[in-house]
Amino acid sequence: MPYLSSLTDFEWEIIEPLLPKKKRTKPPTWSNREILDGVLYQLKKGCNWCDLPKELPPYSTVFWHYKQWRAEGVIEKSKN
């Protein structure tokens, strides 16, 4: 279910190449797009991470990726 904070297909095409590519040992449960939609939902609503809607990935997954992307400078790159 899309939220007002969800990425459009056009926005996703711009942002996807900015995300780091990780070597995967198993298929991911959640796509990077779903995780990023969770990050954007939290940032837009200002809710607690644990209050993310159940349709989005678990908050622990969303927050972990947010911390990783922030530490790797992905968040700053996307602002430019």
PDB file of N, CA and C in Angstrom:
ATOM      1  N   MET A   1       0.840  -1.176   0.000  1.00  0.00           N
ATOM      2  CA  MET A   1       0.000   0.000   0.000  1.00  0.00           C
ATOM      3  C   MET A   1       0.887   1.242   0.000  1.00  0.00           C
ATOM      4  N   PRO A   2       0.767   2.090  -1.004  1.00  0.00           N
ATOM      5  CA  PRO A   2       1.616   3.282  -1.032  1.00  0.00           C
ATOM      6  C   PRO A   2       1.158   4.333  -0.019  1.00  0.00           C
ATOM      7  N   TYR A   3       2.139   5.049   0.495  1.00  0.00           N
ATOM      8  CA  TYR A   3       1.885   6.151   1.418  1.00  0.00           C
ATOM      9  C   TYR A   3       2.288   7.438   0.721  1.00  0.00           C
ATOM     10  N   LEU A   4       1.919   8.577   1.259  1.00  0.00           N
ATOM     11  CA  LEU A   4       2.320   9.848   0.666  1.00  0.00           C
ATOM     12  C   LEU A   4       3.841   9.975   0.588  1.00  0.00           C
ATOM     13  N   SER A   5       4.540   9.310   1.489  1.00  0.00           N
ATOM     14  CA  SER A   5       6.000   9.372   1.507  1.00  0.00           C
ATOM     15  C   SER A   5       6.647   8.346   0.578  1.00  0.00           C
ATOM     16  N   SER A   6       5.860   7.448  -0.018  1.00  0.00           N
ATOM     17  CA  SER A   6       6.409   6.406  -0.892  1.00  0.00           C
ATOM     18  C   SER A   6       6.993   7.012  -2.164  1.00  0.00           C
ATOM     19  N   LEU A   7       8.048   6.385  -2.638  1.00  0.00           N
ATOM     20  CA  LEU A   7       8.704   6.838  -3.858  1.00  0.00           C
ATOM     21  C   LEU A   7       7.879   6.502  -5.093  1.00  0.00           C
ATOM     22  N   THR A   8       7.896   7.400  -6.053  1.00  0.00           N
ATOM     23  CA  THR A   8       7.314   7.088  -7.352  1.00  0.00           C
ATOM     24  C   THR A   8       8.336   6.258  -8.129  1.00  0.00           C
ATOM     25  N   ASP A   9       7.913   5.656  -9.214  1.00  0.00           N
ATOM     26  CA  ASP A   9       8.854   4.886 -10.038  1.00  0.00           C
ATOM     27  C   ASP A   9       9.967   5.788 -10.563  1.00  0.00           C
ATOM     28  N   PHE A  10       9.636   7.000 -10.954  1.00  0.00           N
ATOM     29  CA  PHE A  10      10.633   7.941 -11.460  1.00  0.00           C
ATOM     30  C   PHE A  10      11.662   8.280 -10.375  1.00  0.00           C
ATOM     31  N   GLU A  11      11.186   8.573  -9.159  1.00  0.00           N
ATOM     32  CA  GLU A  11      12.095   8.882  -8.053  1.00  0.00           C
ATOM     33  C   GLU A  11      12.995   7.696  -7.737  1.00  0.00           C
ATOM     34  N   TRP A  12      12.431   6.489  -7.767  1.00  0.00           N
ATOM     35  CA  TRP A  12      13.205   5.292  -7.479  1.00  0.00           C
ATOM     36  C   TRP A  12      14.321   5.104  -8.513  1.00  0.00           C
ATOM     37  N   GLU A  13      14.044   5.379  -9.776  1.00  0.00           N
ATOM     38  CA  GLU A  13      15.065   5.253 -10.818  1.00  0.00           C
ATOM     39  C   GLU A  13      16.246   6.181 -10.562  1.00  0.00           C
ATOM     40  N   ILE A  14      15.993   7.331  -9.972  1.00  0.00           N
ATOM     41  CA  ILE A  14      17.060   8.282  -9.660  1.00  0.00           C
ATOM     42  C   ILE A  14      17.853   7.835  -8.431  1.00  0.00           C
ATOM     43  N   ILE A  15      17.157   7.346  -7.421  1.00  0.00           N
ATOM     44  CA  ILE A  15      17.795   7.028  -6.132  1.00  0.00           C
ATOM     45  C   ILE A  15      18.466   5.660  -6.130  1.00  0.00           C
ATOM     46  N   GLU A  16      17.915   4.698  -6.812  1.00  0.00           N
ATOM     47  CA  GLU A  16      18.447   3.332  -6.760  1.00  0.00           C
ATOM     48  C   GLU A  16      19.951   3.246  -7.012  1.00  0.00           C
ATOM     49  N   PRO A  17      20.493   3.936  -8.020  1.00  0.00           N
ATOM     50  CA  PRO A  17      21.940   3.823  -8.257  1.00  0.00           C
ATOM     51  C   PRO A  17      22.804   4.397  -7.128  1.00  0.00           C
ATOM     52  N   LEU A  18      22.232   5.242  -6.276  1.00  0.00           N
ATOM     53  CA  LEU A  18      22.980   5.838  -5.173  1.00  0.00           C
ATOM     54  C   LEU A  18      23.161   4.872  -4.001  1.00  0.00           C
ATOM     55  N   LEU A  19      22.313   3.854  -3.923  1.00  0.00           N
ATOM     56  CA  LEU A  19      22.391   2.905  -2.814  1.00  0.00           C
ATOM     57  C   LEU A  19      23.551   1.943  -3.028  1.00  0.00           C
ATOM     58  N   PRO A  20      24.266   1.609  -1.943  1.00  0.00           N
ATOM     59  CA  PRO A  20      25.401   0.694  -2.088  1.00  0.00           C
ATOM     60  C   PRO A  20      24.948  -0.697  -2.500  1.00  0.00           C
ATOM     61  N   LYS A  21      25.760  -1.324  -3.314  1.00  0.00           N
ATOM     62  CA  LYS A  21      25.491  -2.709  -3.735  1.00  0.00           C
ATOM     63  C   LYS A  21      26.224  -3.634  -2.770  1.00  0.00           C
ATOM     64  N   LYS A  22      25.505  -4.504  -2.152  1.00  0.00           N
ATOM     65  CA  LYS A  22      26.084  -5.450  -1.187  1.00  0.00           C
ATOM     66  C   LYS A  22      26.064  -6.846  -1.762  1.00  0.00           C
ATOM     67  N   LYS A  23      27.097  -7.604  -1.460  1.00  0.00           N
ATOM     68  CA  LYS A  23      27.110  -9.001  -1.854  1.00  0.00           C
ATOM     69  C   LYS A  23      26.118  -9.739  -0.966  1.00  0.00           C
ATOM     70  N   ARG A  24      25.221 -10.440  -1.564  1.00  0.00           N
ATOM     71  CA  ARG A  24      24.163 -11.141  -0.835  1.00  0.00           C
ATOM     72  C   ARG A  24      24.489 -12.626  -0.769  1.00  0.00           C
ATOM     73  N   THR A  25      24.291 -13.192   0.402  1.00  0.00           N
ATOM     74  CA  THR A  25      24.480 -14.631   0.558  1.00  0.00           C
ATOM     75  C   THR A  25      23.157 -15.378   0.446  1.00  0.00           C
ATOM     76  N   LYS A  26      22.079 -14.639   0.596  1.00  0.00           N
ATOM     77  CA  LYS A  26      20.740 -15.228   0.448  1.00  0.00           C
ATOM     78  C   LYS A  26      19.821 -14.152  -0.116  1.00  0.00           C
ATOM     79  N   PRO A  27      18.730 -14.547  -0.717  1.00  0.00           N
ATOM     80  CA  PRO A  27      17.804 -13.543  -1.254  1.00  0.00           C
ATOM     81  C   PRO A  27      17.247 -12.670  -0.132  1.00  0.00           C
ATOM     82  N   PRO A  28      17.182 -11.365  -0.358  1.00  0.00           N
ATOM     83  CA  PRO A  28      16.656 -10.479   0.688  1.00  0.00           C
ATOM     84  C   PRO A  28      15.154 -10.675   0.884  1.00  0.00           C
ATOM     85  N   THR A  29      14.724 -10.504   2.092  1.00  0.00           N
ATOM     86  CA  THR A  29      13.298 -10.577   2.411  1.00  0.00           C
ATOM     87  C   THR A  29      12.584  -9.320   1.938  1.00  0.00           C
ATOM     88  N   TRP A  30      13.264  -8.182   2.053  1.00  0.00           N
ATOM     89  CA  TRP A  30      12.693  -6.890   1.702  1.00  0.00           C
ATOM     90  C   TRP A  30      13.572  -6.214   0.657  1.00  0.00           C
ATOM     91  N   SER A  31      12.963  -5.542  -0.293  1.00  0.00           N
ATOM     92  CA  SER A  31      13.733  -4.818  -1.300  1.00  0.00           C
ATOM     93  C   SER A  31      14.246  -3.497  -0.714  1.00  0.00           C
ATOM     94  N   ASN A  32      15.287  -2.963  -1.326  1.00  0.00           N
ATOM     95  CA  ASN A  32      15.796  -1.661  -0.890  1.00  0.00           C
ATOM     96  C   ASN A  32      14.727  -0.582  -1.025  1.00  0.00           C
ATOM     97  N   ARG A  33      13.898  -0.717  -2.031  1.00  0.00           N
ATOM     98  CA  ARG A  33      12.828   0.271  -2.216  1.00  0.00           C
ATOM     99  C   ARG A  33      11.851   0.225  -1.049  1.00  0.00           C
ATOM    100  N   GLU A  34      11.467  -0.957  -0.607  1.00  0.00           N
ATOM    101  CA  GLU A  34      10.548  -1.082   0.529  1.00  0.00           C
ATOM    102  C   GLU A  34      11.191  -0.526   1.798  1.00  0.00           C
ATOM    103  N   ILE A  35      12.471  -0.795   1.973  1.00  0.00           N
ATOM    104  CA  ILE A  35      13.186  -0.296   3.151  1.00  0.00           C
ATOM    105  C   ILE A  35      13.267   1.226   3.107  1.00  0.00           C
ATOM    106  N   LEU A  36      13.606   1.772   1.945  1.00  0.00           N
ATOM    107  CA  LEU A  36      13.682   3.221   1.813  1.00  0.00           C
ATOM    108  C   LEU A  36      12.312   3.858   2.016  1.00  0.00           C
ATOM    109  N   ASP A  37      11.259   3.219   1.551  1.00  0.00           N
ATOM    110  CA  ASP A  37       9.910   3.732   1.819  1.00  0.00           C
ATOM    111  C   ASP A  37       9.650   3.785   3.326  1.00  0.00           C
ATOM    112  N   GLY A  38      10.159   2.804   4.073  1.00  0.00           N
ATOM    113  CA  GLY A  38      10.025   2.824   5.526  1.00  0.00           C
ATOM    114  C   GLY A  38      10.787   3.980   6.145  1.00  0.00           C
ATOM    115  N   VAL A  39      11.999   4.229   5.658  1.00  0.00           N
ATOM    116  CA  VAL A  39      12.798   5.359   6.158  1.00  0.00           C
ATOM    117  C   VAL A  39      12.068   6.665   5.875  1.00  0.00           C
ATOM    118  N   LEU A  40      11.603   6.825   4.658  1.00  0.00           N
ATOM    119  CA  LEU A  40      10.915   8.062   4.286  1.00  0.00           C
ATOM    120  C   LEU A  40       9.623   8.261   5.068  1.00  0.00           C
ATOM    121  N   TYR A  41       8.910   7.175   5.332  1.00  0.00           N
ATOM    122  CA  TYR A  41       7.681   7.261   6.140  1.00  0.00           C
ATOM    123  C   TYR A  41       8.021   7.798   7.525  1.00  0.00           C
ATOM    124  N   GLN A  42       9.051   7.225   8.141  1.00  0.00           N
ATOM    125  CA  GLN A  42       9.426   7.643   9.489  1.00  0.00           C
ATOM    126  C   GLN A  42       9.864   9.109   9.495  1.00  0.00           C
ATOM    127  N   LEU A  43      10.662   9.504   8.513  1.00  0.00           N
ATOM    128  CA  LEU A  43      11.148  10.876   8.470  1.00  0.00           C
ATOM    129  C   LEU A  43      10.006  11.865   8.219  1.00  0.00           C
ATOM    130  N   LYS A  44       9.058  11.500   7.376  1.00  0.00           N
ATOM    131  CA  LYS A  44       7.932  12.393   7.074  1.00  0.00           C
ATOM    132  C   LYS A  44       6.981  12.499   8.267  1.00  0.00           C
ATOM    133  N   LYS A  45       6.653  11.366   8.876  1.00  0.00           N
ATOM    134  CA  LYS A  45       5.678  11.354   9.975  1.00  0.00           C
ATOM    135  C   LYS A  45       6.300  11.743  11.311  1.00  0.00           C
ATOM    136  N   GLY A  46       7.627  11.524  11.451  1.00  0.00           N
ATOM    137  CA  GLY A  46       8.276  11.819  12.723  1.00  0.00           C
ATOM    138  C   GLY A  46       7.878  10.852  13.830  1.00  0.00           C
ATOM    139  N   CYS A  47       7.406   9.681  13.438  1.00  0.00           N
ATOM    140  CA  CYS A  47       6.971   8.692  14.424  1.00  0.00           C
ATOM    141  C   CYS A  47       8.186   7.930  14.966  1.00  0.00           C
ATOM    142  N   ASN A  48       7.961   7.181  16.012  1.00  0.00           N
ATOM    143  CA  ASN A  48       8.999   6.285  16.504  1.00  0.00           C
ATOM    144  C   ASN A  48       9.227   5.201  15.456  1.00  0.00           C
ATOM    145  N   TRP A  49      10.459   4.706  15.396  1.00  0.00           N
ATOM    146  CA  TRP A  49      10.762   3.638  14.434  1.00  0.00           C
ATOM    147  C   TRP A  49       9.832   2.448  14.646  1.00  0.00           C
ATOM    148  N   CYS A  50       9.550   2.126  15.893  1.00  0.00           N
ATOM    149  CA  CYS A  50       8.731   0.949  16.175  1.00  0.00           C
ATOM    150  C   CYS A  50       7.258   1.156  15.809  1.00  0.00           C
ATOM    151  N   ASP A  51       6.880   2.381  15.427  1.00  0.00           N
ATOM    152  CA  ASP A  51       5.497   2.661  15.040  1.00  0.00           C
ATOM    153  C   ASP A  51       5.271   2.638  13.531  1.00  0.00           C
ATOM    154  N   LEU A  52       6.233   2.107  12.772  1.00  0.00           N
ATOM    155  CA  LEU A  52       6.035   1.998  11.330  1.00  0.00           C
ATOM    156  C   LEU A  52       4.865   1.056  11.052  1.00  0.00           C
ATOM    157  N   PRO A  53       4.089   1.326  10.002  1.00  0.00           N
ATOM    158  CA  PRO A  53       2.964   0.442   9.668  1.00  0.00           C
ATOM    159  C   PRO A  53       3.447  -0.988   9.400  1.00  0.00           C
ATOM    160  N   LYS A  54       2.613  -1.932   9.684  1.00  0.00           N
ATOM    161  CA  LYS A  54       2.962  -3.355   9.528  1.00  0.00           C
ATOM    162  C   LYS A  54       3.192  -3.750   8.080  1.00  0.00           C
ATOM    163  N   GLU A  55       2.676  -2.959   7.114  1.00  0.00           N
ATOM    164  CA  GLU A  55       2.877  -3.271   5.694  1.00  0.00           C
ATOM    165  C   GLU A  55       4.303  -2.991   5.248  1.00  0.00           C
ATOM    166  N   LEU A  56       5.018  -2.160   6.013  1.00  0.00           N
ATOM    167  CA  LEU A  56       6.409  -1.845   5.705  1.00  0.00           C
ATOM    168  C   LEU A  56       7.312  -2.888   6.367  1.00  0.00           C
ATOM    169  N   PRO A  57       8.591  -2.932   5.975  1.00  0.00           N
ATOM    170  CA  PRO A  57       9.495  -3.878   6.635  1.00  0.00           C
ATOM    171  C   PRO A  57       9.565  -3.615   8.139  1.00  0.00           C
ATOM    172  N   PRO A  58      10.025  -4.599   8.912  1.00  0.00           N
ATOM    173  CA  PRO A  58      10.145  -4.403  10.363  1.00  0.00           C
ATOM    174  C   PRO A  58      11.021  -3.184  10.667  1.00  0.00           C
ATOM    175  N   TYR A  59      10.670  -2.483  11.722  1.00  0.00           N
ATOM    176  CA  TYR A  59      11.399  -1.257  12.049  1.00  0.00           C
ATOM    177  C   TYR A  59      12.874  -1.509  12.297  1.00  0.00           C
ATOM    178  N   SER A  60      13.213  -2.671  12.850  1.00  0.00           N
ATOM    179  CA  SER A  60      14.630  -2.960  13.103  1.00  0.00           C
ATOM    180  C   SER A  60      15.409  -3.047  11.793  1.00  0.00           C
ATOM    181  N   THR A  61      14.793  -3.595  10.761  1.00  0.00           N
ATOM    182  CA  THR A  61      15.425  -3.678   9.438  1.00  0.00           C
ATOM    183  C   THR A  61      15.555  -2.289   8.827  1.00  0.00           C
ATOM    184  N   VAL A  62      14.493  -1.510   8.891  1.00  0.00           N
ATOM    185  CA  VAL A  62      14.497  -0.168   8.322  1.00  0.00           C
ATOM    186  C   VAL A  62      15.530   0.691   9.031  1.00  0.00           C
ATOM    187  N   PHE A  63      15.553   0.667  10.356  1.00  0.00           N
ATOM    188  CA  PHE A  63      16.489   1.497  11.114  1.00  0.00           C
ATOM    189  C   PHE A  63      17.926   1.061  10.875  1.00  0.00           C
ATOM    190  N   TRP A  64      18.184  -0.243  10.812  1.00  0.00           N
ATOM    191  CA  TRP A  64      19.546  -0.744  10.568  1.00  0.00           C
ATOM    192  C   TRP A  64      20.060  -0.222   9.224  1.00  0.00           C
ATOM    193  N   HIS A  65      19.232  -0.325   8.188  1.00  0.00           N
ATOM    194  CA  HIS A  65      19.653   0.163   6.873  1.00  0.00           C
ATOM    195  C   HIS A  65      19.833   1.679   6.888  1.00  0.00           C
ATOM    196  N   TYR A  66      18.959   2.392   7.556  1.00  0.00           N
ATOM    197  CA  TYR A  66      19.094   3.843   7.664  1.00  0.00           C
ATOM    198  C   TYR A  66      20.446   4.201   8.276  1.00  0.00           C
ATOM    199  N   LYS A  67      20.809   3.535   9.372  1.00  0.00           N
ATOM    200  CA  LYS A  67      22.100   3.803  10.016  1.00  0.00           C
ATOM    201  C   LYS A  67      23.262   3.482   9.084  1.00  0.00           C
ATOM    202  N   GLN A  68      23.183   2.361   8.371  1.00  0.00           N
ATOM    203  CA  GLN A  68      24.245   1.974   7.439  1.00  0.00           C
ATOM    204  C   GLN A  68      24.383   2.996   6.309  1.00  0.00           C
ATOM    205  N   TRP A  69      23.272   3.357   5.703  1.00  0.00           N
ATOM    206  CA  TRP A  69      23.303   4.302   4.591  1.00  0.00           C
ATOM    207  C   TRP A  69      23.794   5.670   5.048  1.00  0.00           C
ATOM    208  N   ARG A  70      23.403   6.080   6.243  1.00  0.00           N
ATOM    209  CA  ARG A  70      23.866   7.370   6.767  1.00  0.00           C
ATOM    210  C   ARG A  70      25.366   7.339   7.012  1.00  0.00           C
ATOM    211  N   ALA A  71      25.855   6.249   7.601  1.00  0.00           N
ATOM    212  CA  ALA A  71      27.286   6.118   7.884  1.00  0.00           C
ATOM    213  C   ALA A  71      28.117   6.069   6.598  1.00  0.00           C
ATOM    214  N   GLU A  72      27.550   5.496   5.538  1.00  0.00           N
ATOM    215  CA  GLU A  72      28.268   5.394   4.262  1.00  0.00           C
ATOM    216  C   GLU A  72      28.122   6.641   3.411  1.00  0.00           C
ATOM    217  N   GLY A  73      27.398   7.648   3.900  1.00  0.00           N
ATOM    218  CA  GLY A  73      27.242   8.898   3.177  1.00  0.00           C
ATOM    219  C   GLY A  73      26.165   8.877   2.097  1.00  0.00           C
ATOM    220  N   VAL A  74      25.373   7.829   2.055  1.00  0.00           N
ATOM    221  CA  VAL A  74      24.326   7.725   1.026  1.00  0.00           C
ATOM    222  C   VAL A  74      23.303   8.835   1.193  1.00  0.00           C
ATOM    223  N   ILE A  75      22.966   9.160   2.419  1.00  0.00           N
ATOM    224  CA  ILE A  75      21.958  10.184   2.679  1.00  0.00           C
ATOM    225  C   ILE A  75      22.455  11.538   2.159  1.00  0.00           C
ATOM    226  N   GLU A  76      23.711  11.854   2.397  1.00  0.00           N
ATOM    227  CA  GLU A  76      24.273  13.113   1.934  1.00  0.00           C
ATOM    228  C   GLU A  76      24.365  13.160   0.414  1.00  0.00           C
ATOM    229  N   LYS A  77      24.743  12.038  -0.215  1.00  0.00           N
ATOM    230  CA  LYS A  77      24.843  11.995  -1.671  1.00  0.00           C
ATOM    231  C   LYS A  77      23.489  12.267  -2.319  1.00  0.00           C
ATOM    232  N   SER A  78      22.429  11.757  -1.708  1.00  0.00           N
ATOM    233  CA  SER A  78      21.097  11.904  -2.303  1.00  0.00           C
ATOM    234  C   SER A  78      20.569  13.331  -2.170  1.00  0.00           C
ATOM    235  N   LYS A  79      21.140  14.119  -1.277  1.00  0.00           N
ATOM    236  CA  LYS A  79      20.691  15.506  -1.121  1.00  0.00           C
ATOM    237  C   LYS A  79      21.256  16.391  -2.240  1.00  0.00           C
ATOM    238  N   ASN A  80      22.355  15.991  -2.829  1.00  0.00           N
ATOM    239  CA  ASN A  80      23.009  16.828  -3.866  1.00  0.00           C
ATOM    240  C   ASN A  80      22.365  16.673  -5.207  1.00  0.00           C
TER     241      ASN A  80
END
